[in-house]
């Protein structure tokens, strides 16, 4: 087996969670999957919290961030659609996305989301507030698909309602 690094550990943890869910993703099971002792993993992750933060950050890397200076709504809608894609591929990941942002990709997401909201005309206070609200709303739209059948059209209708609300708030 190749020498372990943090990327390998995090990718294996995501794969394990895909197979057994987030609750079943333990350091012991991850070590078994990688063919090492649990202690060997602590060279790459400090503890279970660091493992979860790292997994979240790897998933944040898959999100389509809004382009600076682009159309604010298209940027937000693109981000929401990419979050949907990631969450449908990894339904267990919602609790990870609800954790405080940690890691480079998480910070990039936070900065890009804040920038697009400021560019749209929201105040800094409103942008901070909207960050959490938008996240929760997108999770709610995706949850319907995670517990039922896939319905992209319903997701898109939900995005249009979100757009109308944001535009009304800007007036």
C-alpha atoms as a PDB file:
ATOM      1  CA  UNK A   1       0.000   0.000   0.000  1.00  0.00           C
ATOM      2  CA  UNK A   2       1.173   3.515  -0.778  1.00  0.00           C
ATOM      3  CA  UNK A   3       2.204   5.754   2.070  1.00  0.00           C
ATOM      4  CA  UNK A   4      -0.814   7.486   3.631  1.00  0.00           C
ATOM      5  CA  UNK A   5      -1.404  11.207   3.410  1.00  0.00           C
ATOM      6  CA  UNK A   6      -4.272  13.421   4.548  1.00  0.00           C
ATOM      7  CA  UNK A   7      -5.932  13.405   1.111  1.00  0.00           C
ATOM      8  CA  UNK A   8      -5.963   9.602   0.995  1.00  0.00           C
ATOM      9  CA  UNK A   9      -7.411   9.421   4.511  1.00  0.00           C
ATOM     10  CA  UNK A  10     -10.159  11.934   3.732  1.00  0.00           C
ATOM     11  CA  UNK A  11     -11.054  10.300   0.419  1.00  0.00           C
ATOM     12  CA  UNK A  12     -11.255   6.913   2.144  1.00  0.00           C
ATOM     13  CA  UNK A  13     -13.440   8.419   4.878  1.00  0.00           C
ATOM     14  CA  UNK A  14     -15.850   9.809   2.266  1.00  0.00           C
ATOM     15  CA  UNK A  15     -15.951   6.445   0.520  1.00  0.00           C
ATOM     16  CA  UNK A  16     -16.605   4.724   3.844  1.00  0.00           C
ATOM     17  CA  UNK A  17     -19.423   7.161   4.630  1.00  0.00           C
ATOM     18  CA  UNK A  18     -20.898   6.469   1.185  1.00  0.00           C
ATOM     19  CA  UNK A  19     -20.989   2.787   2.162  1.00  0.00           C
ATOM     20  CA  UNK A  20     -22.021   2.910   5.836  1.00  0.00           C
ATOM     21  CA  UNK A  21     -23.256   6.457   6.486  1.00  0.00           C
ATOM     22  CA  UNK A  22     -21.733   9.151   8.637  1.00  0.00           C
ATOM     23  CA  UNK A  23     -22.596   7.462  11.949  1.00  0.00           C
ATOM     24  CA  UNK A  24     -20.796   4.314  10.827  1.00  0.00           C
ATOM     25  CA  UNK A  25     -17.689   6.210   9.806  1.00  0.00           C
ATOM     26  CA  UNK A  26     -15.395   5.687  12.757  1.00  0.00           C
ATOM     27  CA  UNK A  27     -11.648   6.001  13.057  1.00  0.00           C
ATOM     28  CA  UNK A  28     -11.458   2.251  13.722  1.00  0.00           C
ATOM     29  CA  UNK A  29     -13.464   1.357  10.598  1.00  0.00           C
ATOM     30  CA  UNK A  30     -11.480   3.834   8.530  1.00  0.00           C
ATOM     31  CA  UNK A  31      -8.221   2.316   9.742  1.00  0.00           C
ATOM     32  CA  UNK A  32      -9.504  -1.155   8.841  1.00  0.00           C
ATOM     33  CA  UNK A  33     -10.434   0.039   5.363  1.00  0.00           C
ATOM     34  CA  UNK A  34      -6.961   1.520   4.881  1.00  0.00           C
ATOM     35  CA  UNK A  35      -5.213  -1.495   6.372  1.00  0.00           C
ATOM     36  CA  UNK A  36      -3.523   0.449   9.176  1.00  0.00           C
ATOM     37  CA  UNK A  37      -3.895   0.831  12.918  1.00  0.00           C
ATOM     38  CA  UNK A  38      -6.158   3.604  14.191  1.00  0.00           C
ATOM     39  CA  UNK A  39      -3.111   5.358  15.666  1.00  0.00           C
ATOM     40  CA  UNK A  40      -1.593   5.645  12.172  1.00  0.00           C
ATOM     41  CA  UNK A  41      -4.484   7.914  11.161  1.00  0.00           C
ATOM     42  CA  UNK A  42      -3.679  10.435  13.875  1.00  0.00           C
ATOM     43  CA  UNK A  43      -0.648  11.549  11.878  1.00  0.00           C
ATOM     44  CA  UNK A  44      -3.100  12.878   9.295  1.00  0.00           C
ATOM     45  CA  UNK A  45      -6.152  13.896  11.341  1.00  0.00           C
ATOM     46  CA  UNK A  46      -5.976  15.234  14.879  1.00  0.00           C
ATOM     47  CA  UNK A  47      -9.257  13.684  16.047  1.00  0.00           C
ATOM     48  CA  UNK A  48     -12.756  12.784  14.866  1.00  0.00           C
ATOM     49  CA  UNK A  49     -13.696  16.478  14.618  1.00  0.00           C
ATOM     50  CA  UNK A  50     -10.722  17.154  12.360  1.00  0.00           C
ATOM     51  CA  UNK A  51     -11.684  14.145  10.254  1.00  0.00           C
ATOM     52  CA  UNK A  52     -15.241  15.476   9.857  1.00  0.00           C
ATOM     53  CA  UNK A  53     -13.984  18.984   9.065  1.00  0.00           C
ATOM     54  CA  UNK A  54     -11.615  17.548   6.476  1.00  0.00           C
ATOM     55  CA  UNK A  55     -14.363  15.480   4.884  1.00  0.00           C
ATOM     56  CA  UNK A  56     -16.581  18.559   4.693  1.00  0.00           C
ATOM     57  CA  UNK A  57     -13.780  20.577   3.127  1.00  0.00           C
ATOM     58  CA  UNK A  58     -13.189  17.880   0.474  1.00  0.00           C
ATOM     59  CA  UNK A  59     -16.896  18.039  -0.395  1.00  0.00           C
ATOM     60  CA  UNK A  60     -16.825  21.856  -0.441  1.00  0.00           C
ATOM     61  CA  UNK A  61     -14.121  21.518  -3.103  1.00  0.00           C
ATOM     62  CA  UNK A  62     -16.765  19.967  -5.378  1.00  0.00           C
ATOM     63  CA  UNK A  63     -19.045  23.008  -5.206  1.00  0.00           C
ATOM     64  CA  UNK A  64     -19.264  25.507  -8.054  1.00  0.00           C
ATOM     65  CA  UNK A  65     -18.402  28.836  -6.477  1.00  0.00           C
ATOM     66  CA  UNK A  66     -19.933  32.042  -7.821  1.00  0.00           C
ATOM     67  CA  UNK A  67     -17.562  33.935 -10.099  1.00  0.00           C
ATOM     68  CA  UNK A  68     -16.444  37.330  -8.859  1.00  0.00           C
ATOM     69  CA  UNK A  69     -18.230  40.099 -10.732  1.00  0.00           C
ATOM     70  CA  UNK A  70     -20.656  37.703 -12.428  1.00  0.00           C
ATOM     71  CA  UNK A  71     -24.437  37.824 -12.336  1.00  0.00           C
ATOM     72  CA  UNK A  72     -25.270  37.464  -8.647  1.00  0.00           C
ATOM     73  CA  UNK A  73     -28.312  35.264  -9.127  1.00  0.00           C
ATOM     74  CA  UNK A  74     -26.647  32.933 -11.609  1.00  0.00           C
ATOM     75  CA  UNK A  75     -23.766  32.579  -9.163  1.00  0.00           C
ATOM     76  CA  UNK A  76     -26.069  31.697  -6.274  1.00  0.00           C
ATOM     77  CA  UNK A  77     -28.187  29.342  -8.387  1.00  0.00           C
ATOM     78  CA  UNK A  78     -25.057  27.588  -9.683  1.00  0.00           C
ATOM     79  CA  UNK A  79     -23.822  27.138  -6.136  1.00  0.00           C
ATOM     80  CA  UNK A  80     -27.211  25.748  -5.055  1.00  0.00           C
ATOM     81  CA  UNK A  81     -27.286  23.320  -7.997  1.00  0.00           C
ATOM     82  CA  UNK A  82     -23.793  22.076  -7.229  1.00  0.00           C
ATOM     83  CA  UNK A  83     -24.739  21.653  -3.541  1.00  0.00           C
ATOM     84  CA  UNK A  84     -27.726  19.603  -4.688  1.00  0.00           C
ATOM     85  CA  UNK A  85     -25.469  17.419  -6.824  1.00  0.00           C
ATOM     86  CA  UNK A  86     -23.040  16.815  -3.950  1.00  0.00           C
ATOM     87  CA  UNK A  87     -25.771  16.158  -1.387  1.00  0.00           C
ATOM     88  CA  UNK A  88     -27.614  13.728  -3.655  1.00  0.00           C
ATOM     89  CA  UNK A  89     -24.345  11.871  -4.257  1.00  0.00           C
ATOM     90  CA  UNK A  90     -23.534  11.881  -0.515  1.00  0.00           C
ATOM     91  CA  UNK A  91     -26.867  12.110   1.377  1.00  0.00           C
ATOM     92  CA  UNK A  92     -25.119  11.545   4.711  1.00  0.00           C
ATOM     93  CA  UNK A  93     -23.146  14.815   4.275  1.00  0.00           C
ATOM     94  CA  UNK A  94     -25.818  17.310   5.404  1.00  0.00           C
ATOM     95  CA  UNK A  95     -24.546  17.304   9.017  1.00  0.00           C
ATOM     96  CA  UNK A  96     -21.035  18.018   7.730  1.00  0.00           C
ATOM     97  CA  UNK A  97     -22.265  21.058   5.825  1.00  0.00           C
ATOM     98  CA  UNK A  98     -23.938  22.288   9.007  1.00  0.00           C
ATOM     99  CA  UNK A  99     -20.600  22.322  10.893  1.00  0.00           C
ATOM    100  CA  UNK A 100     -18.682  25.583  11.327  1.00  0.00           C
ATOM    101  CA  UNK A 101     -16.637  26.298   8.212  1.00  0.00           C
ATOM    102  CA  UNK A 102     -13.097  24.926   8.515  1.00  0.00           C
ATOM    103  CA  UNK A 103     -10.514  24.425   5.796  1.00  0.00           C
ATOM    104  CA  UNK A 104      -9.423  26.217   2.674  1.00  0.00           C
ATOM    105  CA  UNK A 105     -12.354  25.240   0.467  1.00  0.00           C
ATOM    106  CA  UNK A 106     -14.821  26.158   3.206  1.00  0.00           C
ATOM    107  CA  UNK A 107     -13.213  29.584   3.600  1.00  0.00           C
ATOM    108  CA  UNK A 108     -13.266  30.078  -0.183  1.00  0.00           C
ATOM    109  CA  UNK A 109     -16.962  29.208  -0.225  1.00  0.00           C
ATOM    110  CA  UNK A 110     -17.665  31.633   2.608  1.00  0.00           C
ATOM    111  CA  UNK A 111     -15.759  34.440   0.877  1.00  0.00           C
ATOM    112  CA  UNK A 112     -17.379  33.798  -2.519  1.00  0.00           C
ATOM    113  CA  UNK A 113     -20.881  33.666  -1.057  1.00  0.00           C
ATOM    114  CA  UNK A 114     -20.330  36.836   0.957  1.00  0.00           C
ATOM    115  CA  UNK A 115     -18.882  38.623  -2.107  1.00  0.00           C
ATOM    116  CA  UNK A 116     -21.776  37.694  -4.393  1.00  0.00           C
ATOM    117  CA  UNK A 117     -24.318  38.861  -1.806  1.00  0.00           C
ATOM    118  CA  UNK A 118     -22.470  42.152  -1.325  1.00  0.00           C
ATOM    119  CA  UNK A 119     -22.206  42.604  -5.113  1.00  0.00           C
ATOM    120  CA  UNK A 120     -25.972  42.032  -5.345  1.00  0.00           C
ATOM    121  CA  UNK A 121     -26.482  44.995  -3.015  1.00  0.00           C
ATOM    122  CA  UNK A 122     -27.022  43.365   0.369  1.00  0.00           C
ATOM    123  CA  UNK A 123     -25.443  45.015   3.394  1.00  0.00           C
ATOM    124  CA  UNK A 124     -22.637  43.171   5.222  1.00  0.00           C
ATOM    125  CA  UNK A 125     -25.067  42.359   8.069  1.00  0.00           C
ATOM    126  CA  UNK A 126     -27.666  41.019   5.634  1.00  0.00           C
ATOM    127  CA  UNK A 127     -24.996  38.975   3.803  1.00  0.00           C
ATOM    128  CA  UNK A 128     -23.959  37.330   7.097  1.00  0.00           C
ATOM    129  CA  UNK A 129     -27.578  36.553   7.937  1.00  0.00           C
ATOM    130  CA  UNK A 130     -28.386  35.275   4.461  1.00  0.00           C
ATOM    131  CA  UNK A 131     -25.429  32.883   4.439  1.00  0.00           C
ATOM    132  CA  UNK A 132     -27.054  30.605   6.994  1.00  0.00           C
ATOM    133  CA  UNK A 133     -30.570  31.126   5.708  1.00  0.00           C
ATOM    134  CA  UNK A 134     -29.657  30.255   2.119  1.00  0.00           C
ATOM    135  CA  UNK A 135     -27.794  27.164   3.256  1.00  0.00           C
ATOM    136  CA  UNK A 136     -30.799  25.978   5.243  1.00  0.00           C
ATOM    137  CA  UNK A 137     -33.183  26.639   2.370  1.00  0.00           C
ATOM    138  CA  UNK A 138     -31.066  24.711  -0.124  1.00  0.00           C
ATOM    139  CA  UNK A 139     -30.787  21.817   2.363  1.00  0.00           C
ATOM    140  CA  UNK A 140     -34.579  21.845   2.689  1.00  0.00           C
ATOM    141  CA  UNK A 141     -35.074  21.721  -1.064  1.00  0.00           C
ATOM    142  CA  UNK A 142     -32.624  18.829  -1.398  1.00  0.00           C
ATOM    143  CA  UNK A 143     -34.050  16.948   1.606  1.00  0.00           C
ATOM    144  CA  UNK A 144     -37.291  16.442  -0.277  1.00  0.00           C
ATOM    145  CA  UNK A 145     -35.329  14.582  -2.949  1.00  0.00           C
ATOM    146  CA  UNK A 146     -33.195  12.638  -0.493  1.00  0.00           C
ATOM    147  CA  UNK A 147     -36.272  11.133   1.125  1.00  0.00           C
ATOM    148  CA  UNK A 148     -38.371  10.651  -1.982  1.00  0.00           C
ATOM    149  CA  UNK A 149     -37.863  10.583  -5.687  1.00  0.00           C
ATOM    150  CA  UNK A 150     -35.570  12.913  -7.559  1.00  0.00           C
ATOM    151  CA  UNK A 151     -37.390  15.973  -8.848  1.00  0.00           C
ATOM    152  CA  UNK A 152     -35.099  18.553 -10.392  1.00  0.00           C
ATOM    153  CA  UNK A 153     -38.091  20.594 -11.602  1.00  0.00           C
ATOM    154  CA  UNK A 154     -39.342  21.006  -8.023  1.00  0.00           C
ATOM    155  CA  UNK A 155     -35.837  22.030  -6.932  1.00  0.00           C
ATOM    156  CA  UNK A 156     -35.722  24.639  -9.706  1.00  0.00           C
ATOM    157  CA  UNK A 157     -39.164  25.964  -8.694  1.00  0.00           C
ATOM    158  CA  UNK A 158     -37.852  26.285  -5.151  1.00  0.00           C
ATOM    159  CA  UNK A 159     -34.871  28.253  -6.451  1.00  0.00           C
ATOM    160  CA  UNK A 160     -37.214  30.609  -8.301  1.00  0.00           C
ATOM    161  CA  UNK A 161     -39.130  31.263  -5.076  1.00  0.00           C
ATOM    162  CA  UNK A 162     -35.821  31.944  -3.360  1.00  0.00           C
ATOM    163  CA  UNK A 163     -34.848  34.351  -6.129  1.00  0.00           C
ATOM    164  CA  UNK A 164     -38.132  36.225  -5.839  1.00  0.00           C
ATOM    165  CA  UNK A 165     -37.637  36.565  -2.092  1.00  0.00           C
ATOM    166  CA  UNK A 166     -34.084  37.838  -2.450  1.00  0.00           C
ATOM    167  CA  UNK A 167     -35.056  40.322  -5.143  1.00  0.00           C
ATOM    168  CA  UNK A 168     -37.924  41.585  -2.976  1.00  0.00           C
ATOM    169  CA  UNK A 169     -35.531  42.024  -0.077  1.00  0.00           C
ATOM    170  CA  UNK A 170     -33.220  44.121  -2.250  1.00  0.00           C
ATOM    171  CA  UNK A 171     -36.024  46.583  -3.072  1.00  0.00           C
END
